[in-house]
Amino acid sequence: MKIVSRRGWIITGLGLAALLGLGLVLTQLRQPQHFADVMDMKPSGVSLRTVTVYYVASDTLLVVSRERAIVDRGSRKSVVEELILFLSESGADHRAPLPPGTRLNHVFENGEGELVLDFSGPLDAVSGGSVLEDRLRLTALARTLAENVEGLERLRILVHGRPLTHWGRHIHLEPVLIMETWL
């Protein structure tokens, strides 16, 4: 009978350890997965969109346009809410058609082509005093909505659920604005 030397035991131990390590590695191998299978690559419906917002020029009585970027969440309501935020912010070269801080209580559609905006506060705080300026502010609102909300034909403006009867001091509003008359 042969006695195994110390060197033999070490080599045998290292060989067994190598086999055990190789066995562990081989059991962890899997079929490769495609990257698209691991990640959810479906579109989320959220995108960045460029819109045209209309304002009243500071130095003249004209309606001027400015390009703005909004986050489009895939609904008309989210687009309208973003547009209203822009329409209440004046700049160095333009005045906003809506008072600063204007907020919407609700945005909803009342039939095909009709949009209802229910504002949280009065809209007469921006009135410049003249009929022309009031008309330009309403035109800026109507053009902004008409160009950026597809299929919009009629607009109802409410304040705390009640129809707005006057825009500024001079313009009497019908219950429904026909968009093409204000463009």
C-alpha atoms as a PDB file:
ATOM      1  CA  MET A   1       0.000   0.000   0.000  1.00  0.00           C
ATOM      2  CA  LYS A   2       1.289   3.331  -1.018  1.00  0.00           C
ATOM      3  CA  ILE A   3       1.110   6.326   1.262  1.00  0.00           C
ATOM      4  CA  VAL A   4      -0.101   9.484  -0.405  1.00  0.00           C
ATOM      5  CA  SER A   5       2.256  12.318   0.166  1.00  0.00           C
ATOM      6  CA  ARG A   6       1.320  15.731   1.357  1.00  0.00           C
ATOM      7  CA  ARG A   7       1.837  17.102  -2.118  1.00  0.00           C
ATOM      8  CA  GLY A   8      -0.648  14.593  -3.519  1.00  0.00           C
ATOM      9  CA  TRP A   9      -3.310  15.658  -1.005  1.00  0.00           C
ATOM     10  CA  ILE A  10      -2.857  19.290  -1.959  1.00  0.00           C
ATOM     11  CA  ILE A  11      -3.115  18.556  -5.676  1.00  0.00           C
ATOM     12  CA  THR A  12      -6.181  16.391  -5.107  1.00  0.00           C
ATOM     13  CA  GLY A  13      -7.806  19.126  -2.975  1.00  0.00           C
ATOM     14  CA  LEU A  14      -7.075  21.788  -5.588  1.00  0.00           C
ATOM     15  CA  GLY A  15      -8.488  19.547  -8.316  1.00  0.00           C
ATOM     16  CA  LEU A  16     -11.692  18.953  -6.349  1.00  0.00           C
ATOM     17  CA  ALA A  17     -12.030  22.691  -5.651  1.00  0.00           C
ATOM     18  CA  ALA A  18     -11.569  23.440  -9.365  1.00  0.00           C
ATOM     19  CA  LEU A  19     -14.233  20.865 -10.292  1.00  0.00           C
ATOM     20  CA  LEU A  20     -16.623  22.283  -7.709  1.00  0.00           C
ATOM     21  CA  GLY A  21     -16.029  25.852  -9.001  1.00  0.00           C
ATOM     22  CA  LEU A  22     -16.530  24.746 -12.605  1.00  0.00           C
ATOM     23  CA  GLY A  23     -19.749  22.971 -11.608  1.00  0.00           C
ATOM     24  CA  LEU A  24     -21.081  26.141  -9.953  1.00  0.00           C
ATOM     25  CA  VAL A  25     -20.236  28.263 -13.006  1.00  0.00           C
ATOM     26  CA  LEU A  26     -21.878  25.803 -15.393  1.00  0.00           C
ATOM     27  CA  THR A  27     -25.083  25.631 -13.320  1.00  0.00           C
ATOM     28  CA  GLN A  28     -25.390  29.447 -13.412  1.00  0.00           C
ATOM     29  CA  LEU A  29     -25.192  29.694 -17.207  1.00  0.00           C
ATOM     30  CA  ARG A  30     -28.489  30.644 -18.833  1.00  0.00           C
ATOM     31  CA  GLN A  31     -29.847  31.270 -22.256  1.00  0.00           C
ATOM     32  CA  PRO A  32     -28.947  34.865 -23.206  1.00  0.00           C
ATOM     33  CA  GLN A  33     -31.912  37.266 -23.179  1.00  0.00           C
ATOM     34  CA  HIS A  34     -32.473  40.016 -25.674  1.00  0.00           C
ATOM     35  CA  PHE A  35     -32.207  43.517 -24.178  1.00  0.00           C
ATOM     36  CA  ALA A  36     -35.766  44.389 -25.217  1.00  0.00           C
ATOM     37  CA  ASP A  37     -37.072  41.382 -23.264  1.00  0.00           C
ATOM     38  CA  VAL A  38     -35.425  42.592 -20.074  1.00  0.00           C
ATOM     39  CA  MET A  39     -36.534  46.246 -20.371  1.00  0.00           C
ATOM     40  CA  ASP A  40     -40.107  47.398 -20.952  1.00  0.00           C
ATOM     41  CA  MET A  41     -39.634  49.124 -24.291  1.00  0.00           C
ATOM     42  CA  LYS A  42     -43.304  50.035 -24.831  1.00  0.00           C
ATOM     43  CA  PRO A  43     -43.925  53.737 -25.427  1.00  0.00           C
ATOM     44  CA  SER A  44     -45.207  55.440 -22.270  1.00  0.00           C
ATOM     45  CA  GLY A  45     -47.365  58.011 -24.086  1.00  0.00           C
ATOM     46  CA  VAL A  46     -45.362  60.926 -22.699  1.00  0.00           C
ATOM     47  CA  SER A  47     -43.457  63.108 -25.131  1.00  0.00           C
ATOM     48  CA  LEU A  48     -42.040  66.575 -25.523  1.00  0.00           C
ATOM     49  CA  ARG A  49     -44.057  68.694 -27.931  1.00  0.00           C
ATOM     50  CA  THR A  50     -43.529  72.159 -29.396  1.00  0.00           C
ATOM     51  CA  VAL A  51     -46.604  74.392 -29.311  1.00  0.00           C
ATOM     52  CA  THR A  52     -47.358  77.926 -30.483  1.00  0.00           C
ATOM     53  CA  VAL A  53     -48.621  80.292 -27.787  1.00  0.00           C
ATOM     54  CA  TYR A  54     -50.045  83.714 -28.644  1.00  0.00           C
ATOM     55  CA  TYR A  55     -49.586  86.844 -26.548  1.00  0.00           C
ATOM     56  CA  VAL A  56     -50.209  90.583 -26.858  1.00  0.00           C
ATOM     57  CA  ALA A  57     -47.037  92.485 -27.824  1.00  0.00           C
ATOM     58  CA  SER A  58     -45.789  94.889 -25.128  1.00  0.00           C
ATOM     59  CA  ASP A  59     -44.907  97.766 -27.428  1.00  0.00           C
ATOM     60  CA  THR A  60     -47.716  97.506 -30.016  1.00  0.00           C
ATOM     61  CA  LEU A  61     -51.263  96.294 -30.158  1.00  0.00           C
ATOM     62  CA  LEU A  62     -50.536  93.111 -32.050  1.00  0.00           C
ATOM     63  CA  VAL A  63     -50.847  89.423 -31.332  1.00  0.00           C
ATOM     64  CA  VAL A  64     -47.426  87.751 -31.370  1.00  0.00           C
ATOM     65  CA  SER A  65     -46.537  84.073 -31.289  1.00  0.00           C
ATOM     66  CA  ARG A  66     -43.873  82.284 -29.255  1.00  0.00           C
ATOM     67  CA  GLU A  67     -42.773  78.665 -29.529  1.00  0.00           C
ATOM     68  CA  ARG A  68     -42.913  76.745 -26.253  1.00  0.00           C
ATOM     69  CA  ALA A  69     -42.150  73.152 -25.263  1.00  0.00           C
ATOM     70  CA  ILE A  70     -44.697  71.195 -23.241  1.00  0.00           C
ATOM     71  CA  VAL A  71     -44.859  67.695 -21.857  1.00  0.00           C
ATOM     72  CA  ASP A  72     -47.599  65.923 -23.790  1.00  0.00           C
ATOM     73  CA  ARG A  73     -49.006  63.132 -21.636  1.00  0.00           C
ATOM     74  CA  GLY A  74     -51.217  61.872 -24.425  1.00  0.00           C
ATOM     75  CA  SER A  75     -54.424  63.626 -23.400  1.00  0.00           C
ATOM     76  CA  ARG A  76     -56.020  66.821 -24.657  1.00  0.00           C
ATOM     77  CA  LYS A  77     -56.621  67.854 -21.047  1.00  0.00           C
ATOM     78  CA  SER A  78     -52.908  67.832 -20.187  1.00  0.00           C
ATOM     79  CA  VAL A  79     -52.097  69.893 -23.305  1.00  0.00           C
ATOM     80  CA  VAL A  80     -54.757  72.492 -22.416  1.00  0.00           C
ATOM     81  CA  GLU A  81     -53.526  72.720 -18.812  1.00  0.00           C
ATOM     82  CA  GLU A  82     -49.960  73.375 -19.993  1.00  0.00           C
ATOM     83  CA  LEU A  83     -51.158  75.987 -22.505  1.00  0.00           C
ATOM     84  CA  ILE A  84     -53.118  77.863 -19.822  1.00  0.00           C
ATOM     85  CA  LEU A  85     -49.989  78.041 -17.668  1.00  0.00           C
ATOM     86  CA  PHE A  86     -48.097  79.697 -20.532  1.00  0.00           C
ATOM     87  CA  LEU A  87     -51.003  82.031 -21.297  1.00  0.00           C
ATOM     88  CA  SER A  88     -50.788  83.472 -17.780  1.00  0.00           C
ATOM     89  CA  GLU A  89     -47.047  84.273 -17.916  1.00  0.00           C
ATOM     90  CA  SER A  90     -45.922  87.608 -19.353  1.00  0.00           C
ATOM     91  CA  GLY A  91     -42.436  88.177 -20.731  1.00  0.00           C
ATOM     92  CA  ALA A  92     -40.189  91.132 -21.469  1.00  0.00           C
ATOM     93  CA  ASP A  93     -41.640  91.619 -24.949  1.00  0.00           C
ATOM     94  CA  HIS A  94     -45.202  90.363 -24.481  1.00  0.00           C
ATOM     95  CA  ARG A  95     -48.174  90.472 -22.126  1.00  0.00           C
ATOM     96  CA  ALA A  96     -50.143  87.408 -21.133  1.00  0.00           C
ATOM     97  CA  PRO A  97     -53.791  87.243 -22.201  1.00  0.00           C
ATOM     98  CA  LEU A  98     -54.725  85.702 -18.823  1.00  0.00           C
ATOM     99  CA  PRO A  99     -54.029  87.099 -15.330  1.00  0.00           C
ATOM    100  CA  PRO A 100     -50.873  85.828 -13.566  1.00  0.00           C
ATOM    101  CA  GLY A 101     -51.454  82.597 -11.666  1.00  0.00           C
ATOM    102  CA  THR A 102     -54.617  81.675 -13.575  1.00  0.00           C
ATOM    103  CA  ARG A 103     -55.593  78.097 -12.798  1.00  0.00           C
ATOM    104  CA  LEU A 104     -58.162  75.719 -14.180  1.00  0.00           C
ATOM    105  CA  ASN A 105     -60.629  73.904 -11.948  1.00  0.00           C
ATOM    106  CA  HIS A 106     -61.716  71.594 -14.752  1.00  0.00           C
ATOM    107  CA  VAL A 107     -61.148  70.911 -18.434  1.00  0.00           C
ATOM    108  CA  PHE A 108     -63.632  68.723 -20.247  1.00  0.00           C
ATOM    109  CA  GLU A 109     -65.161  68.134 -23.646  1.00  0.00           C
ATOM    110  CA  ASN A 110     -68.857  68.753 -24.147  1.00  0.00           C
ATOM    111  CA  GLY A 111     -69.555  66.944 -27.392  1.00  0.00           C
ATOM    112  CA  GLU A 112     -67.426  66.732 -30.494  1.00  0.00           C
ATOM    113  CA  GLY A 113     -65.266  69.791 -31.096  1.00  0.00           C
ATOM    114  CA  GLU A 114     -66.370  71.655 -27.957  1.00  0.00           C
ATOM    115  CA  LEU A 115     -64.018  72.351 -25.067  1.00  0.00           C
ATOM    116  CA  VAL A 116     -65.137  73.652 -21.671  1.00  0.00           C
ATOM    117  CA  LEU A 117     -62.647  75.504 -19.475  1.00  0.00           C
ATOM    118  CA  ASP A 118     -63.663  76.158 -15.866  1.00  0.00           C
ATOM    119  CA  PHE A 119     -61.291  78.706 -14.326  1.00  0.00           C
ATOM    120  CA  SER A 120     -60.667  79.142 -10.618  1.00  0.00           C
ATOM    121  CA  GLY A 121     -60.754  82.925 -10.544  1.00  0.00           C
ATOM    122  CA  PRO A 122     -61.755  86.091 -12.368  1.00  0.00           C
ATOM    123  CA  LEU A 123     -60.268  86.720 -15.791  1.00  0.00           C
ATOM    124  CA  ASP A 124     -60.697  90.495 -15.891  1.00  0.00           C
ATOM    125  CA  ALA A 125     -57.553  91.405 -13.929  1.00  0.00           C
ATOM    126  CA  VAL A 126     -55.511  91.855 -17.132  1.00  0.00           C
ATOM    127  CA  SER A 127     -57.888  94.201 -18.951  1.00  0.00           C
ATOM    128  CA  GLY A 128     -55.929  97.097 -20.408  1.00  0.00           C
ATOM    129  CA  GLY A 129     -58.935  99.307 -20.691  1.00  0.00           C
ATOM    130  CA  SER A 130     -59.451  99.390 -24.459  1.00  0.00           C
ATOM    131  CA  VAL A 131     -61.780  97.341 -26.614  1.00  0.00           C
ATOM    132  CA  LEU A 132     -58.884  96.472 -28.911  1.00  0.00           C
ATOM    133  CA  GLU A 133     -56.720  95.123 -26.108  1.00  0.00           C
ATOM    134  CA  ASP A 134     -59.566  93.023 -24.719  1.00  0.00           C
ATOM    135  CA  ARG A 135     -60.197  91.649 -28.214  1.00  0.00           C
ATOM    136  CA  LEU A 136     -56.485  90.879 -28.696  1.00  0.00           C
ATOM    137  CA  ARG A 137     -56.337  88.996 -25.383  1.00  0.00           C
ATOM    138  CA  LEU A 138     -59.355  86.864 -26.358  1.00  0.00           C
ATOM    139  CA  THR A 139     -57.897  86.309 -29.833  1.00  0.00           C
ATOM    140  CA  ALA A 140     -54.581  85.173 -28.289  1.00  0.00           C
ATOM    141  CA  LEU A 141     -56.420  82.649 -26.092  1.00  0.00           C
ATOM    142  CA  ALA A 142     -58.557  81.352 -28.977  1.00  0.00           C
ATOM    143  CA  ARG A 143     -55.648  81.065 -31.441  1.00  0.00           C
ATOM    144  CA  THR A 144     -53.449  79.282 -28.920  1.00  0.00           C
ATOM    145  CA  LEU A 145     -56.123  76.692 -28.185  1.00  0.00           C
ATOM    146  CA  ALA A 146     -57.253  76.292 -31.808  1.00  0.00           C
ATOM    147  CA  GLU A 147     -53.722  75.683 -33.127  1.00  0.00           C
ATOM    148  CA  ASN A 148     -52.705  73.219 -30.439  1.00  0.00           C
ATOM    149  CA  VAL A 149     -55.901  71.280 -29.691  1.00  0.00           C
ATOM    150  CA  GLU A 150     -56.920  69.282 -32.731  1.00  0.00           C
ATOM    151  CA  GLY A 151     -60.536  69.531 -33.867  1.00  0.00           C
ATOM    152  CA  LEU A 152     -61.482  72.412 -31.565  1.00  0.00           C
ATOM    153  CA  GLU A 153     -64.462  74.320 -32.995  1.00  0.00           C
ATOM    154  CA  ARG A 154     -66.273  75.749 -29.965  1.00  0.00           C
ATOM    155  CA  LEU A 155     -65.168  76.999 -26.551  1.00  0.00           C
ATOM    156  CA  ARG A 156     -67.108  77.546 -23.341  1.00  0.00           C
ATOM    157  CA  ILE A 157     -65.469  79.629 -20.632  1.00  0.00           C
ATOM    158  CA  LEU A 158     -66.644  79.207 -17.051  1.00  0.00           C
ATOM    159  CA  VAL A 159     -65.462  80.712 -13.766  1.00  0.00           C
ATOM    160  CA  HIS A 160     -66.258  78.529 -10.738  1.00  0.00           C
ATOM    161  CA  GLY A 161     -68.818  76.643 -12.837  1.00  0.00           C
ATOM    162  CA  ARG A 162     -70.687  79.732 -14.065  1.00  0.00           C
ATOM    163  CA  PRO A 163     -70.531  80.976 -17.663  1.00  0.00           C
ATOM    164  CA  LEU A 164     -68.288  83.994 -18.176  1.00  0.00           C
ATOM    165  CA  THR A 165     -70.494  86.742 -19.628  1.00  0.00           C
ATOM    166  CA  HIS A 166     -67.891  89.487 -20.233  1.00  0.00           C
ATOM    167  CA  TRP A 167     -64.281  89.378 -21.360  1.00  0.00           C
ATOM    168  CA  GLY A 168     -62.590  92.423 -19.915  1.00  0.00           C
ATOM    169  CA  ARG A 169     -64.806  95.490 -19.774  1.00  0.00           C
ATOM    170  CA  HIS A 170     -66.047  95.610 -23.340  1.00  0.00           C
ATOM    171  CA  ILE A 171     -66.670  92.226 -24.887  1.00  0.00           C
ATOM    172  CA  HIS A 172     -69.934  90.438 -24.163  1.00  0.00           C
ATOM    173  CA  LEU A 173     -69.499  86.686 -24.534  1.00  0.00           C
ATOM    174  CA  GLU A 174     -72.038  84.280 -25.895  1.00  0.00           C
ATOM    175  CA  PRO A 175     -72.352  81.030 -23.944  1.00  0.00           C
ATOM    176  CA  VAL A 176     -70.287  79.287 -26.640  1.00  0.00           C
ATOM    177  CA  LEU A 177     -67.463  80.899 -28.610  1.00  0.00           C
ATOM    178  CA  ILE A 178     -67.228  79.768 -32.206  1.00  0.00           C
ATOM    179  CA  MET A 179     -63.482  79.493 -32.698  1.00  0.00           C
ATOM    180  CA  GLU A 180     -63.304  80.599 -36.326  1.00  0.00           C
ATOM    181  CA  THR A 181     -64.731  84.039 -35.441  1.00  0.00           C
ATOM    182  CA  TRP A 182     -61.767  84.714 -33.107  1.00  0.00           C
ATOM    183  CA  LEU A 183     -58.923  83.488 -35.304  1.00  0.00           C
END
